[in-house]
Amino acid sequence: MKIKKIQLITEAGFSKAKNIEFLNNTEDQFPYIEAAISSLDSNLNWWKENWSTIESDLLSAYGKSASTAMSISGNVKVRTRFTIYNGTDDVVSSVKWTGPAIEYTFLNADNKAMQEMKNNIGNILKGHKVIVEGNKVIILFG
């Protein structure tokens, strides 16, 4: 198979060919992309240094909550995962939170203990926003 003609397609050429106009360049977004990556990098380093303390604090808070709620239902296992959280604030429903987060899912956890844990932790843990939904504790990166 022989290629007979190759044509370079640029933003200018594409817009003329398809009657489309770019209002700005992708390059205009680079400062925002750089700021986002810098923020994630800074927070990643913070997480690398503090993850074990966070886990210890969560386990301690759940242990206190479970004894206060007077029920621990079997073995509680905690699964962690990175996620992009998007949801409303638990106090002010008109406030939305969106961004990278670590999600701790307390499997086989008691609902009363999770609610008590939420009260014990509060909205901020070590400078990071905490959201408790059901058996999940979500800690936002930024």
N, C-alpha and C. Protein backbone atom coordinates (compact mmCIF):
# COMPACT_ATOMS: atom_id res chain seq x y z
N MET A 1 0.85 -1.17 0.00
CA MET A 1 0.00 0.00 0.00
C MET A 1 0.89 1.23 0.00
N LYS A 2 0.60 2.15 -0.89
CA LYS A 2 1.38 3.37 -1.00
C LYS A 2 0.58 4.55 -0.48
N ILE A 3 1.26 5.40 0.26
CA ILE A 3 0.63 6.63 0.73
C ILE A 3 0.86 7.68 -0.33
N LYS A 4 -0.21 8.23 -0.83
CA LYS A 4 -0.10 9.20 -1.93
C LYS A 4 0.05 10.62 -1.44
N LYS A 5 -0.62 10.94 -0.33
CA LYS A 5 -0.57 12.33 0.11
C LYS A 5 -0.68 12.39 1.63
N ILE A 6 0.20 13.14 2.26
CA ILE A 6 0.16 13.36 3.70
C ILE A 6 -0.06 14.84 3.92
N GLN A 7 -0.99 15.14 4.83
CA GLN A 7 -1.28 16.54 5.09
C GLN A 7 -1.16 16.79 6.59
N LEU A 8 -0.43 17.83 6.95
CA LEU A 8 -0.29 18.23 8.34
C LEU A 8 -1.55 18.96 8.76
N ILE A 9 -2.14 18.49 9.86
CA ILE A 9 -3.35 19.16 10.37
C ILE A 9 -2.96 19.92 11.63
N THR A 10 -3.12 21.22 11.60
CA THR A 10 -2.86 22.08 12.75
C THR A 10 -4.18 22.65 13.22
N GLU A 11 -4.16 23.34 14.37
CA GLU A 11 -5.39 23.98 14.84
C GLU A 11 -5.94 24.92 13.79
N ALA A 12 -5.07 25.71 13.19
CA ALA A 12 -5.51 26.67 12.17
C ALA A 12 -6.08 25.95 10.96
N GLY A 13 -5.37 24.92 10.50
CA GLY A 13 -5.82 24.17 9.33
C GLY A 13 -7.10 23.41 9.60
N PHE A 14 -7.21 22.82 10.78
CA PHE A 14 -8.40 22.06 11.15
C PHE A 14 -9.63 22.97 11.22
N SER A 15 -9.45 24.15 11.84
CA SER A 15 -10.59 25.05 12.00
C SER A 15 -11.08 25.57 10.65
N LYS A 16 -10.16 25.83 9.73
CA LYS A 16 -10.58 26.29 8.40
C LYS A 16 -11.30 25.17 7.66
N ALA A 17 -10.76 23.95 7.78
CA ALA A 17 -11.33 22.82 7.05
C ALA A 17 -12.72 22.46 7.58
N LYS A 18 -12.94 22.54 8.88
CA LYS A 18 -14.20 22.11 9.47
C LYS A 18 -15.08 23.26 9.96
N ASN A 19 -14.67 24.49 9.70
CA ASN A 19 -15.43 25.65 10.15
C ASN A 19 -15.56 25.69 11.67
N ILE A 20 -14.46 25.39 12.34
CA ILE A 20 -14.41 25.39 13.80
C ILE A 20 -13.38 26.42 14.24
N GLU A 21 -13.69 27.16 15.29
CA GLU A 21 -12.78 28.19 15.77
C GLU A 21 -12.38 27.90 17.21
N PHE A 22 -11.08 27.84 17.47
CA PHE A 22 -10.58 27.70 18.84
C PHE A 22 -10.56 29.08 19.48
N LEU A 23 -11.17 29.21 20.65
CA LEU A 23 -11.18 30.50 21.34
C LEU A 23 -9.88 30.76 22.08
N ASN A 24 -9.20 29.71 22.46
CA ASN A 24 -7.88 29.83 23.06
C ASN A 24 -7.12 28.54 22.76
N ASN A 25 -5.85 28.50 23.13
CA ASN A 25 -5.01 27.33 22.87
C ASN A 25 -4.98 26.42 24.08
N THR A 26 -4.72 25.16 23.83
CA THR A 26 -4.53 24.21 24.92
C THR A 26 -3.38 24.68 25.81
N GLU A 27 -2.40 25.30 25.21
CA GLU A 27 -1.24 25.80 25.96
C GLU A 27 -1.66 26.77 27.07
N ASP A 28 -2.77 27.47 26.89
CA ASP A 28 -3.26 28.40 27.91
C ASP A 28 -3.60 27.69 29.22
N GLN A 29 -3.84 26.38 29.15
CA GLN A 29 -4.22 25.61 30.34
C GLN A 29 -3.02 25.11 31.14
N PHE A 30 -1.81 25.21 30.56
CA PHE A 30 -0.63 24.65 31.20
C PHE A 30 -0.37 25.18 32.61
N PRO A 31 -0.56 26.48 32.91
CA PRO A 31 -0.34 26.92 34.30
C PRO A 31 -1.27 26.22 35.29
N TYR A 32 -2.51 25.94 34.90
CA TYR A 32 -3.46 25.25 35.78
C TYR A 32 -3.06 23.79 35.95
N ILE A 33 -2.62 23.17 34.85
CA ILE A 33 -2.18 21.78 34.92
C ILE A 33 -0.95 21.67 35.81
N GLU A 34 -0.02 22.59 35.65
CA GLU A 34 1.20 22.59 36.46
C GLU A 34 0.88 22.78 37.94
N ALA A 35 -0.05 23.67 38.25
CA ALA A 35 -0.44 23.91 39.65
C ALA A 35 -1.09 22.66 40.25
N ALA A 36 -1.94 21.99 39.46
CA ALA A 36 -2.60 20.78 39.95
C ALA A 36 -1.58 19.67 40.21
N ILE A 37 -0.64 19.49 39.29
CA ILE A 37 0.38 18.44 39.47
C ILE A 37 1.28 18.77 40.65
N SER A 38 1.63 20.02 40.81
CA SER A 38 2.47 20.43 41.94
C SER A 38 1.76 20.17 43.27
N SER A 39 0.48 20.49 43.31
CA SER A 39 -0.31 20.25 44.53
C SER A 39 -0.40 18.76 44.84
N LEU A 40 -0.65 17.95 43.82
CA LEU A 40 -0.71 16.50 44.02
C LEU A 40 0.63 15.95 44.48
N ASP A 41 1.72 16.45 43.89
CA ASP A 41 3.05 15.99 44.28
C ASP A 41 3.33 16.33 45.73
N SER A 42 2.99 17.54 46.14
CA SER A 42 3.20 17.97 47.52
C SER A 42 2.38 17.11 48.48
N ASN A 43 1.13 16.86 48.12
CA ASN A 43 0.27 16.04 48.98
C ASN A 43 0.69 14.58 48.98
N LEU A 44 1.20 14.08 47.85
CA LEU A 44 1.69 12.71 47.80
C LEU A 44 2.83 12.53 48.80
N ASN A 45 3.75 13.49 48.82
CA ASN A 45 4.85 13.41 49.78
C ASN A 45 4.33 13.44 51.21
N TRP A 46 3.31 14.26 51.48
CA TRP A 46 2.72 14.31 52.82
C TRP A 46 2.13 12.95 53.18
N TRP A 47 1.40 12.33 52.23
CA TRP A 47 0.80 11.02 52.48
C TRP A 47 1.87 9.96 52.72
N LYS A 48 2.96 10.00 51.97
CA LYS A 48 4.03 9.03 52.14
C LYS A 48 4.60 9.09 53.56
N GLU A 49 4.66 10.29 54.11
CA GLU A 49 5.22 10.47 55.46
C GLU A 49 4.21 10.17 56.56
N ASN A 50 2.91 10.35 56.30
CA ASN A 50 1.92 10.31 57.37
C ASN A 50 0.89 9.19 57.29
N TRP A 51 0.96 8.32 56.28
CA TRP A 51 -0.09 7.32 56.12
C TRP A 51 -0.24 6.41 57.33
N SER A 52 0.86 6.02 57.95
CA SER A 52 0.75 5.10 59.09
C SER A 52 0.10 5.78 60.29
N THR A 53 0.37 7.06 60.48
CA THR A 53 -0.27 7.81 61.57
C THR A 53 -1.76 7.94 61.32
N ILE A 54 -2.14 8.21 60.08
CA ILE A 54 -3.56 8.32 59.72
C ILE A 54 -4.27 7.00 60.00
N GLU A 55 -3.68 5.89 59.57
CA GLU A 55 -4.29 4.58 59.80
C GLU A 55 -4.42 4.30 61.29
N SER A 56 -3.40 4.63 62.04
CA SER A 56 -3.43 4.43 63.49
C SER A 56 -4.54 5.27 64.13
N ASP A 57 -4.66 6.52 63.71
CA ASP A 57 -5.70 7.41 64.24
C ASP A 57 -7.10 6.88 63.92
N LEU A 58 -7.28 6.38 62.69
CA LEU A 58 -8.59 5.84 62.30
C LEU A 58 -8.94 4.58 63.11
N LEU A 59 -7.98 3.69 63.26
CA LEU A 59 -8.23 2.48 64.03
C LEU A 59 -8.53 2.79 65.49
N SER A 60 -7.80 3.74 66.04
CA SER A 60 -8.04 4.16 67.42
C SER A 60 -9.43 4.77 67.57
N ALA A 61 -9.81 5.64 66.63
CA ALA A 61 -11.13 6.28 66.68
C ALA A 61 -12.24 5.25 66.53
N TYR A 62 -12.06 4.28 65.65
CA TYR A 62 -13.09 3.25 65.50
C TYR A 62 -13.17 2.38 66.75
N GLY A 63 -12.02 2.03 67.32
CA GLY A 63 -12.01 1.22 68.54
C GLY A 63 -12.75 1.89 69.68
N LYS A 64 -12.51 3.19 69.87
CA LYS A 64 -13.23 3.94 70.91
C LYS A 64 -14.71 4.00 70.60
N SER A 65 -15.03 4.22 69.34
CA SER A 65 -16.43 4.32 68.92
C SER A 65 -17.15 3.00 69.08
N ALA A 66 -16.50 1.91 68.73
CA ALA A 66 -17.13 0.60 68.83
C ALA A 66 -17.40 0.25 70.28
N SER A 67 -16.48 0.59 71.19
CA SER A 67 -16.72 0.29 72.60
C SER A 67 -17.80 1.19 73.16
N THR A 68 -17.89 2.43 72.69
CA THR A 68 -18.96 3.34 73.11
C THR A 68 -20.30 2.86 72.59
N ALA A 69 -20.33 2.41 71.33
CA ALA A 69 -21.56 1.93 70.72
C ALA A 69 -21.94 0.55 71.26
N MET A 70 -21.03 -0.06 72.04
CA MET A 70 -21.27 -1.35 72.68
C MET A 70 -21.50 -2.50 71.72
N SER A 71 -20.93 -2.40 70.53
CA SER A 71 -21.06 -3.55 69.63
C SER A 71 -19.95 -3.55 68.59
N ILE A 72 -19.27 -4.63 68.53
CA ILE A 72 -18.32 -4.86 67.46
C ILE A 72 -18.80 -6.12 66.77
N SER A 73 -19.20 -5.96 65.50
CA SER A 73 -19.80 -7.09 64.80
C SER A 73 -18.74 -7.88 64.05
N GLY A 74 -18.19 -8.89 64.70
CA GLY A 74 -17.21 -9.75 64.05
C GLY A 74 -15.90 -9.03 63.80
N ASN A 75 -15.14 -9.58 62.88
CA ASN A 75 -13.87 -8.98 62.51
C ASN A 75 -14.10 -7.84 61.53
N VAL A 76 -13.61 -6.66 61.89
CA VAL A 76 -13.69 -5.52 61.00
C VAL A 76 -12.40 -5.47 60.19
N LYS A 77 -12.56 -5.43 58.89
CA LYS A 77 -11.41 -5.33 58.00
C LYS A 77 -11.51 -4.00 57.28
N VAL A 78 -10.37 -3.36 57.04
CA VAL A 78 -10.35 -2.06 56.41
C VAL A 78 -9.65 -2.18 55.05
N ARG A 79 -10.37 -1.75 54.02
CA ARG A 79 -9.80 -1.74 52.67
C ARG A 79 -9.53 -0.28 52.30
N THR A 80 -8.36 -0.01 51.74
CA THR A 80 -8.04 1.35 51.31
C THR A 80 -7.91 1.38 49.79
N ARG A 81 -8.25 2.53 49.24
CA ARG A 81 -8.06 2.71 47.79
C ARG A 81 -8.02 4.20 47.47
N PHE A 82 -7.32 4.50 46.40
CA PHE A 82 -7.28 5.86 45.88
C PHE A 82 -8.55 6.06 45.05
N THR A 83 -9.16 7.22 45.16
CA THR A 83 -10.36 7.51 44.38
C THR A 83 -10.43 9.01 44.09
N ILE A 84 -11.30 9.36 43.19
CA ILE A 84 -11.63 10.77 42.97
C ILE A 84 -13.01 10.96 43.59
N TYR A 85 -13.05 11.73 44.67
CA TYR A 85 -14.30 11.93 45.38
C TYR A 85 -15.08 13.09 44.76
N ASN A 86 -16.38 12.92 44.68
CA ASN A 86 -17.27 13.99 44.22
C ASN A 86 -18.58 13.85 44.98
N GLY A 87 -18.80 14.75 45.92
CA GLY A 87 -20.02 14.68 46.71
C GLY A 87 -20.22 15.92 47.54
N THR A 88 -21.36 15.96 48.20
CA THR A 88 -21.70 17.13 49.01
C THR A 88 -21.12 17.01 50.41
N ASP A 89 -20.99 18.15 51.03
CA ASP A 89 -20.52 18.23 52.41
C ASP A 89 -21.61 17.66 53.31
N ASP A 90 -21.21 16.97 54.38
CA ASP A 90 -22.20 16.38 55.27
C ASP A 90 -22.87 17.40 56.19
N VAL A 91 -22.30 18.59 56.30
CA VAL A 91 -22.90 19.63 57.15
C VAL A 91 -23.67 20.65 56.31
N VAL A 92 -23.07 21.13 55.23
CA VAL A 92 -23.69 22.13 54.37
C VAL A 92 -23.93 21.50 52.99
N SER A 93 -25.18 21.17 52.69
CA SER A 93 -25.48 20.41 51.47
C SER A 93 -25.22 21.19 50.19
N SER A 94 -25.12 22.50 50.26
CA SER A 94 -24.85 23.28 49.05
C SER A 94 -23.36 23.32 48.69
N VAL A 95 -22.51 22.79 49.58
CA VAL A 95 -21.07 22.75 49.33
C VAL A 95 -20.70 21.40 48.74
N LYS A 96 -19.99 21.43 47.61
CA LYS A 96 -19.54 20.19 46.96
C LYS A 96 -18.03 20.05 47.12
N TRP A 97 -17.61 18.82 47.35
CA TRP A 97 -16.20 18.49 47.44
C TRP A 97 -15.85 17.59 46.26
N THR A 98 -14.78 17.93 45.57
CA THR A 98 -14.31 17.13 44.45
C THR A 98 -12.79 17.10 44.48
N GLY A 99 -12.24 15.91 44.30
CA GLY A 99 -10.79 15.82 44.22
C GLY A 99 -10.26 14.46 44.60
N PRO A 100 -8.96 14.29 44.46
CA PRO A 100 -8.34 13.02 44.80
C PRO A 100 -8.44 12.75 46.30
N ALA A 101 -8.64 11.49 46.64
CA ALA A 101 -8.83 11.13 48.04
C ALA A 101 -8.38 9.69 48.28
N ILE A 102 -8.17 9.38 49.55
CA ILE A 102 -7.96 8.01 49.98
C ILE A 102 -9.26 7.60 50.69
N GLU A 103 -9.79 6.46 50.28
CA GLU A 103 -11.04 5.97 50.86
C GLU A 103 -10.74 4.74 51.70
N TYR A 104 -11.18 4.77 52.96
CA TYR A 104 -11.04 3.65 53.88
C TYR A 104 -12.42 3.04 54.06
N THR A 105 -12.60 1.79 53.62
CA THR A 105 -13.88 1.11 53.76
C THR A 105 -13.76 0.13 54.91
N PHE A 106 -14.60 0.32 55.93
CA PHE A 106 -14.60 -0.54 57.11
C PHE A 106 -15.62 -1.65 56.87
N LEU A 107 -15.12 -2.81 56.43
CA LEU A 107 -15.98 -3.94 56.12
C LEU A 107 -16.46 -4.59 57.42
N ASN A 108 -17.73 -4.91 57.48
CA ASN A 108 -18.35 -5.54 58.64
C ASN A 108 -18.36 -4.61 59.86
N ALA A 109 -18.36 -3.31 59.61
CA ALA A 109 -18.34 -2.32 60.70
C ALA A 109 -19.76 -2.03 61.17
N ASP A 110 -19.88 -1.70 62.43
CA ASP A 110 -21.16 -1.35 63.03
C ASP A 110 -21.54 0.08 62.66
N ASN A 111 -22.78 0.30 62.22
CA ASN A 111 -23.23 1.64 61.81
C ASN A 111 -23.16 2.65 62.94
N LYS A 112 -23.55 2.24 64.15
CA LYS A 112 -23.49 3.15 65.29
C LYS A 112 -22.05 3.56 65.58
N ALA A 113 -21.14 2.61 65.46
CA ALA A 113 -19.72 2.90 65.71
C ALA A 113 -19.18 3.85 64.65
N MET A 114 -19.62 3.69 63.40
CA MET A 114 -19.16 4.59 62.33
C MET A 114 -19.66 6.01 62.58
N GLN A 115 -20.91 6.16 63.03
CA GLN A 115 -21.45 7.49 63.33
C GLN A 115 -20.70 8.12 64.50
N GLU A 116 -20.42 7.33 65.51
CA GLU A 116 -19.66 7.83 66.67
C GLU A 116 -18.24 8.20 66.25
N MET A 117 -17.66 7.39 65.38
CA MET A 117 -16.32 7.66 64.87
C MET A 117 -16.30 9.00 64.14
N LYS A 118 -17.33 9.24 63.35
CA LYS A 118 -17.45 10.51 62.62
C LYS A 118 -17.45 11.68 63.61
N ASN A 119 -18.19 11.55 64.69
CA ASN A 119 -18.23 12.60 65.72
C ASN A 119 -16.88 12.78 66.40
N ASN A 120 -16.17 11.68 66.62
CA ASN A 120 -14.86 11.75 67.29
C ASN A 120 -13.79 12.37 66.39
N ILE A 121 -13.81 12.03 65.11
CA ILE A 121 -12.79 12.55 64.19
C ILE A 121 -13.04 14.01 63.86
N GLY A 122 -14.30 14.35 63.58
CA GLY A 122 -14.62 15.71 63.15
C GLY A 122 -14.50 15.83 61.64
N ASN A 123 -14.42 17.06 61.16
CA ASN A 123 -14.38 17.31 59.71
C ASN A 123 -12.97 17.39 59.14
N ILE A 124 -11.97 17.52 60.01
CA ILE A 124 -10.58 17.67 59.57
C ILE A 124 -9.71 16.69 60.35
N LEU A 125 -8.84 15.99 59.64
CA LEU A 125 -7.87 15.11 60.28
C LEU A 125 -6.49 15.45 59.73
N LYS A 126 -5.62 15.93 60.59
CA LYS A 126 -4.26 16.33 60.21
C LYS A 126 -4.27 17.31 59.03
N GLY A 127 -5.23 18.23 59.03
CA GLY A 127 -5.29 19.26 58.00
C GLY A 127 -6.00 18.86 56.72
N HIS A 128 -6.60 17.69 56.68
CA HIS A 128 -7.27 17.21 55.47
C HIS A 128 -8.76 16.97 55.76
N LYS A 129 -9.60 17.32 54.79
CA LYS A 129 -11.04 17.17 54.92
C LYS A 129 -11.41 15.70 55.04
N VAL A 130 -12.28 15.40 56.01
CA VAL A 130 -12.75 14.04 56.25
C VAL A 130 -14.25 13.99 56.00
N ILE A 131 -14.66 12.97 55.24
CA ILE A 131 -16.08 12.75 54.98
C ILE A 131 -16.37 11.30 55.34
N VAL A 132 -17.41 11.07 56.12
CA VAL A 132 -17.81 9.72 56.48
C VAL A 132 -19.16 9.45 55.85
N GLU A 133 -19.21 8.43 55.01
CA GLU A 133 -20.45 8.02 54.35
C GLU A 133 -20.65 6.54 54.60
N GLY A 134 -21.65 6.21 55.40
CA GLY A 134 -21.90 4.79 55.70
C GLY A 134 -20.69 4.18 56.38
N ASN A 135 -20.11 3.16 55.77
CA ASN A 135 -18.94 2.50 56.36
C ASN A 135 -17.63 2.97 55.72
N LYS A 136 -17.67 4.13 55.06
CA LYS A 136 -16.48 4.66 54.38
C LYS A 136 -16.02 5.97 55.03
N VAL A 137 -14.71 6.05 55.19
CA VAL A 137 -14.08 7.31 55.64
C VAL A 137 -13.25 7.77 54.45
N ILE A 138 -13.55 8.97 53.98
CA ILE A 138 -12.88 9.53 52.80
C ILE A 138 -12.05 10.73 53.27
N ILE A 139 -10.77 10.71 52.95
CA ILE A 139 -9.88 11.81 53.32
C ILE A 139 -9.35 12.42 52.03
N LEU A 140 -9.71 13.68 51.80
CA LEU A 140 -9.29 14.37 50.58
C LEU A 140 -7.81 14.74 50.64
N PHE A 141 -7.18 14.73 49.50
CA PHE A 141 -5.75 15.06 49.41
C PHE A 141 -5.48 16.51 49.78
N GLY A 142 -6.21 17.44 49.16
CA GLY A 142 -5.88 18.86 49.27
C GLY A 142 -6.49 19.56 50.43
